[in-house]
Amino acid sequence: MPEYSTPHDRTMPDDECREVLEDLQAFLDAECVPDLEQSIRIHLRECSPCLNRADFQVELKALIASKCSERAPSGLVEKVLGSLRAASRTSSTGRSDLWSDG
């Protein structure tokens, strides 16, 4: 395993780092419970390798968002939703209306 040194002379990665990295995406998406969010914030302040990983993820997400800004063509969302509704009706009627125009 690679070893990383932080200002606190901590050897990485350890179990705490693995746990933080498992929850990192939820943290970056603000989907953590407050206690977990606080725990991750503290860890990132003390662990430069994990902070570097978090910074990379933030930059990657921003890059992808900047390159993938196209919208679905007009009417596509409604057509897909209609197809999904038809598919759900299929389960109750036993026949498929999925490919019909109605």
Protein backbone atom coordinates (compact mmCIF):
# COMPACT_ATOMS: atom_id res chain seq x y z
CA MET A 1 0.00 0.00 0.00
CA PRO A 2 1.27 3.49 -0.76
CA GLU A 3 2.09 5.68 2.19
CA TYR A 4 1.34 9.37 2.35
CA SER A 5 2.54 11.85 4.86
CA THR A 6 0.42 14.72 6.13
CA PRO A 7 1.50 17.69 8.24
CA HIS A 8 0.51 15.55 11.24
CA ASP A 9 2.89 12.78 10.08
CA ARG A 10 0.01 10.40 9.53
CA THR A 11 0.51 7.32 7.36
CA MET A 12 -2.23 6.89 4.73
CA PRO A 13 -4.46 5.27 3.72
CA ASP A 14 -5.98 3.90 6.91
CA ASP A 15 -9.47 2.70 7.84
CA GLU A 16 -10.66 6.23 8.54
CA CYS A 17 -9.50 7.35 5.10
CA ARG A 18 -11.25 4.44 3.44
CA GLU A 19 -14.48 5.32 5.24
CA VAL A 20 -14.18 8.99 4.27
CA LEU A 21 -13.48 8.12 0.64
CA GLU A 22 -16.50 5.79 0.58
CA ASP A 23 -18.72 8.69 1.70
CA LEU A 24 -16.91 11.40 -0.26
CA GLN A 25 -19.36 11.67 -3.15
CA ALA A 26 -22.35 11.94 -0.83
CA PHE A 27 -20.46 14.61 1.13
CA LEU A 28 -19.64 16.59 -2.01
CA ASP A 29 -23.26 16.34 -3.12
CA ALA A 30 -24.44 17.57 0.33
CA GLU A 31 -26.28 14.30 0.92
CA CYS A 32 -24.74 13.41 4.30
CA VAL A 33 -26.36 13.59 7.69
CA PRO A 34 -24.89 16.47 9.74
CA ASP A 35 -22.77 14.27 12.02
CA LEU A 36 -21.14 12.48 9.08
CA GLU A 37 -20.60 15.78 7.28
CA GLN A 38 -18.81 17.23 10.30
CA SER A 39 -16.69 14.11 10.69
CA ILE A 40 -15.62 14.25 7.04
CA ARG A 41 -14.84 18.00 7.30
CA ILE A 42 -12.58 17.37 10.28
CA HIS A 43 -10.85 14.48 8.53
CA LEU A 44 -10.25 16.54 5.38
CA ARG A 45 -8.68 19.34 7.44
CA GLU A 46 -6.21 16.84 8.93
CA CYS A 47 -5.56 14.58 5.94
CA SER A 48 -4.03 16.13 2.84
CA PRO A 49 -4.31 12.99 0.64
CA CYS A 50 -8.07 12.80 1.26
CA LEU A 51 -8.40 16.56 0.77
CA ASN A 52 -6.54 16.24 -2.53
CA ARG A 53 -8.95 13.49 -3.59
CA ALA A 54 -11.93 15.67 -2.63
CA ASP A 55 -10.49 18.63 -4.56
CA PHE A 56 -9.96 16.41 -7.60
CA GLN A 57 -13.55 15.15 -7.43
CA VAL A 58 -14.89 18.73 -7.21
CA GLU A 59 -12.81 19.79 -10.22
CA LEU A 60 -13.80 16.69 -12.20
CA LYS A 61 -17.48 17.24 -11.48
CA ALA A 62 -17.21 20.88 -12.59
CA LEU A 63 -15.41 19.89 -15.79
CA ILE A 64 -18.02 17.27 -16.65
CA ALA A 65 -20.83 19.73 -15.92
CA SER A 66 -19.23 22.32 -18.18
CA LYS A 67 -18.88 19.84 -21.05
CA CYS A 68 -22.25 18.11 -20.66
CA SER A 69 -24.65 21.00 -20.68
CA GLU A 70 -26.84 19.93 -23.59
CA ARG A 71 -30.57 19.73 -23.07
CA ALA A 72 -32.81 16.94 -24.32
CA PRO A 73 -34.56 17.78 -27.60
CA SER A 74 -38.01 19.32 -27.26
CA GLY A 75 -40.63 16.67 -26.58
CA LEU A 76 -38.19 13.88 -25.74
CA VAL A 77 -38.78 13.99 -22.00
CA GLU A 78 -42.56 13.83 -22.49
CA LYS A 79 -42.19 10.93 -24.93
CA VAL A 80 -40.00 8.98 -22.50
CA LEU A 81 -42.39 9.65 -19.62
CA GLY A 82 -45.31 8.54 -21.78
CA SER A 83 -43.45 5.34 -22.66
CA LEU A 84 -42.76 4.68 -19.01
CA ARG A 85 -46.44 5.20 -18.15
CA ALA A 86 -47.41 2.80 -20.94
CA ALA A 87 -44.90 0.25 -19.66
CA SER A 88 -46.38 0.46 -16.18
CA ARG A 89 -49.87 -0.09 -17.65
CA THR A 90 -48.52 -3.18 -19.38
CA SER A 91 -47.91 -4.84 -16.06
CA SER A 92 -51.60 -4.46 -15.19
CA THR A 93 -53.12 -5.21 -18.64
CA GLY A 94 -50.72 -7.92 -19.77
CA ARG A 95 -50.05 -6.26 -23.14
CA SER A 96 -47.53 -3.66 -24.18
CA ASP A 97 -48.48 -0.16 -25.34
CA LEU A 98 -44.82 0.86 -25.12
CA TRP A 99 -44.22 1.41 -28.83
CA SER A 100 -47.59 2.88 -29.79
CA ASP A 101 -47.98 6.53 -30.70
CA GLY A 102 -50.76 7.08 -28.14
